[in-house]
Amino acid sequence: MSWQATKTWKVSKDPDFIAKKTRILDLYDHPPADGRVICVDEFGPLNLQPRPGRGWFPRGRPARLRATYTRTGGVRHMFAALDLATGQMFYRFRDRNAGRSSSTSANSCTDVSRPGSST
């Protein structure tokens, strides 16, 4: 018996997957002359959790956090956009990931990359 890592992947069931993939790869190789190719992704939910660590502290009993502590900070979602022409990345954190919030966050990332944008 030995410790081993496995890899998994998902296969798309979309009948148009190959056509969509080809179109995306073509945009990477041949971006439009009058536009930009921007990749957008979301990451989350993220939550802040205390982690043990070492540091210089006054002598005595170290501060402890109960295993059953209450998380009052909620979670965050990160939306990121990468402008392939410049290699510049933009990101936004949002408190929630629900419908309109997701599309608004993605749009706010891509608005930054548009020529003439003041955001």
Foldseek 3Di string as FASTA:
>chain_A
DDDDDDDDDDDDPDPCVVVVVVVVVVCLVPPDPPDWDKDKDKDDFAADDDDDDDDDDDDDDDDDDDPPDDRPPATKMKMKMATSVVRDMDIDIDRDDDPVVVVVRNVVRVLVVDPPRPD
